[in-house]
Amino acid sequence: MSENKTKEQLLMEMIESQYFPYPIAVFTRDGVINTANQMFLDETNRSLKDVSEGKINMHDRLTTENYEILEAVQDIFSGETKLLKNLSYPLSMFVRDDDEKSPANFGGAIFFPLVEDNGQIAYGVVMFIK
């Protein structure tokens, strides 16, 4: 194993690990999730195909109940890290409309920017926590 891995490579290894116990997703400035771990996919009953086709968007299902998630997403691209607590079933906003599944209540979320070497924020990351 190389010890010279970039932070992006390490993050991707963590996301792709089937054993990482928290739902985690990487998204673009416009809210499209372009990478998610298996826990996220399992909890939302989504597939890798949904991710690769850009079918999951952080902005699509916003309500007054989860509006603070939108604010956190916007703040990431200003360089801020946010910890949200006491969320009510935040993963439910990613479940397909035709799905009856109710995801576990991960009542918190950590949002942080993924900063490139040139200082630009290319992506945001969210990890849902209990």
Protein backbone atom coordinates (compact mmCIF):
# COMPACT_ATOMS: atom_id res chain seq x y z
CA MET A 1 0.00 0.00 0.00
CA SER A 2 1.38 3.38 -0.96
CA GLU A 3 1.75 5.95 1.79
CA ASN A 4 1.56 8.80 -0.73
CA LYS A 5 -2.16 8.61 -1.38
CA THR A 6 -4.01 11.85 -1.87
CA LYS A 7 -6.84 12.82 0.44
CA GLU A 8 -9.25 12.22 -2.46
CA GLN A 9 -7.95 8.67 -2.91
CA LEU A 10 -8.27 7.95 0.80
CA LEU A 11 -11.80 9.36 0.89
CA MET A 12 -12.78 7.27 -2.14
CA GLU A 13 -11.40 4.12 -0.50
CA MET A 14 -13.45 4.88 2.61
CA ILE A 15 -16.61 5.52 0.58
CA GLU A 16 -16.17 2.41 -1.51
CA SER A 17 -15.56 0.18 1.52
CA GLN A 18 -18.54 -2.06 2.08
CA TYR A 19 -17.78 -2.03 5.79
CA PHE A 20 -18.02 1.72 6.41
CA PRO A 21 -20.94 1.89 8.86
CA TYR A 22 -22.43 5.28 7.89
CA PRO A 23 -24.19 6.46 4.74
CA ILE A 24 -21.88 8.83 2.87
CA ALA A 25 -22.23 10.60 -0.47
CA VAL A 26 -20.22 13.01 -2.59
CA PHE A 27 -22.13 15.63 -4.57
CA THR A 28 -21.54 18.44 -7.04
CA ARG A 29 -22.32 22.13 -6.61
CA ASP A 30 -25.72 21.61 -8.24
CA GLY A 31 -26.58 18.87 -5.73
CA VAL A 32 -26.16 15.80 -7.93
CA ILE A 33 -24.76 12.83 -6.03
CA ASN A 34 -21.95 11.32 -8.07
CA THR A 35 -20.54 8.86 -5.53
CA ALA A 36 -22.18 7.04 -2.63
CA ASN A 37 -21.22 4.13 -0.44
CA GLN A 38 -23.12 0.88 -0.13
CA MET A 39 -24.70 1.91 3.19
CA PHE A 40 -26.20 5.00 1.53
CA LEU A 41 -27.51 2.91 -1.36
CA ASP A 42 -28.94 0.26 0.98
CA GLU A 43 -30.66 2.77 3.26
CA THR A 44 -32.25 4.65 0.36
CA ASN A 45 -32.92 1.57 -1.79
CA ARG A 46 -30.99 3.17 -4.64
CA SER A 47 -28.53 1.61 -7.05
CA LEU A 48 -25.13 2.48 -8.46
CA LYS A 49 -26.97 3.02 -11.73
CA ASP A 50 -29.06 5.78 -10.10
CA VAL A 51 -25.81 7.43 -9.03
CA SER A 52 -24.00 7.02 -12.36
CA GLU A 53 -27.01 8.40 -14.25
CA GLY A 54 -27.25 11.44 -11.96
CA LYS A 55 -30.74 10.54 -10.73
CA ILE A 56 -30.17 11.53 -7.10
CA ASN A 57 -30.12 15.26 -6.40
CA MET A 58 -29.87 16.93 -2.99
CA HIS A 59 -32.11 19.77 -4.20
CA ASP A 60 -34.98 17.73 -5.64
CA ARG A 61 -36.88 16.87 -2.47
CA LEU A 62 -36.32 19.80 -0.17
CA THR A 63 -39.08 20.75 2.23
CA THR A 64 -39.33 23.04 5.22
CA GLU A 65 -38.43 20.03 7.37
CA ASN A 66 -35.07 19.52 5.68
CA TYR A 67 -34.30 23.07 4.55
CA GLU A 68 -31.24 23.24 6.78
CA ILE A 69 -29.72 20.53 4.58
CA LEU A 70 -29.92 22.92 1.60
CA GLU A 71 -28.21 25.63 3.64
CA ALA A 72 -25.44 23.21 4.62
CA VAL A 73 -24.98 22.17 0.98
CA GLN A 74 -24.64 25.82 -0.07
CA ASP A 75 -22.26 26.61 2.80
CA ILE A 76 -19.92 23.79 1.80
CA PHE A 77 -19.10 25.55 -1.43
CA SER A 78 -18.14 28.62 0.60
CA GLY A 79 -15.62 26.44 2.43
CA GLU A 80 -17.62 25.74 5.59
CA THR A 81 -18.08 22.48 7.43
CA LYS A 82 -21.46 21.92 9.08
CA LEU A 83 -22.75 19.51 11.70
CA LEU A 84 -26.52 19.16 11.72
CA LYS A 85 -28.30 17.48 14.62
CA ASN A 86 -31.86 16.43 15.35
CA LEU A 87 -32.75 15.82 11.72
CA SER A 88 -35.90 13.83 11.12
CA TYR A 89 -35.18 10.90 8.79
CA PRO A 90 -32.93 12.89 6.43
CA LEU A 91 -32.23 9.88 4.22
CA SER A 92 -35.91 9.69 3.30
CA MET A 93 -35.38 12.59 0.89
CA PHE A 94 -33.31 10.27 -1.32
CA VAL A 95 -35.70 7.30 -1.39
CA ARG A 96 -37.57 6.89 -4.68
CA ASP A 97 -41.21 8.01 -4.70
CA ASP A 98 -42.44 4.51 -5.49
CA ASP A 99 -40.57 2.93 -2.60
CA GLU A 100 -42.23 2.05 0.67
CA LYS A 101 -38.93 1.62 2.48
CA SER A 102 -38.36 3.82 5.48
CA PRO A 103 -34.65 4.34 6.07
CA ALA A 104 -33.13 4.15 9.52
CA ASN A 105 -33.13 7.42 11.39
CA PHE A 106 -29.66 8.82 11.05
CA GLY A 107 -30.54 11.97 12.98
CA GLY A 108 -27.42 13.94 12.19
CA ALA A 109 -25.18 14.79 9.29
CA ILE A 110 -21.71 16.19 8.75
CA PHE A 111 -21.23 18.24 5.60
CA PHE A 112 -17.74 19.21 4.45
CA PRO A 113 -16.02 20.45 1.30
CA LEU A 114 -13.60 18.39 -0.74
CA VAL A 115 -10.91 20.92 -1.57
CA GLU A 116 -8.57 20.33 -4.51
CA ASP A 117 -4.85 21.10 -4.38
CA ASN A 118 -5.46 24.42 -6.13
CA GLY A 119 -7.83 25.48 -3.35
CA GLN A 120 -11.01 25.07 -5.41
CA ILE A 121 -13.96 23.24 -3.91
CA ALA A 122 -14.93 20.62 -6.43
CA TYR A 123 -17.36 18.55 -4.37
CA GLY A 124 -19.25 18.42 -1.14
CA VAL A 125 -19.43 15.38 1.09
CA VAL A 126 -22.17 14.38 3.50
CA MET A 127 -21.99 11.64 6.09
CA PHE A 128 -25.16 10.76 7.98
CA ILE A 129 -24.73 9.82 11.64
CA LYS A 130 -26.95 8.51 14.42
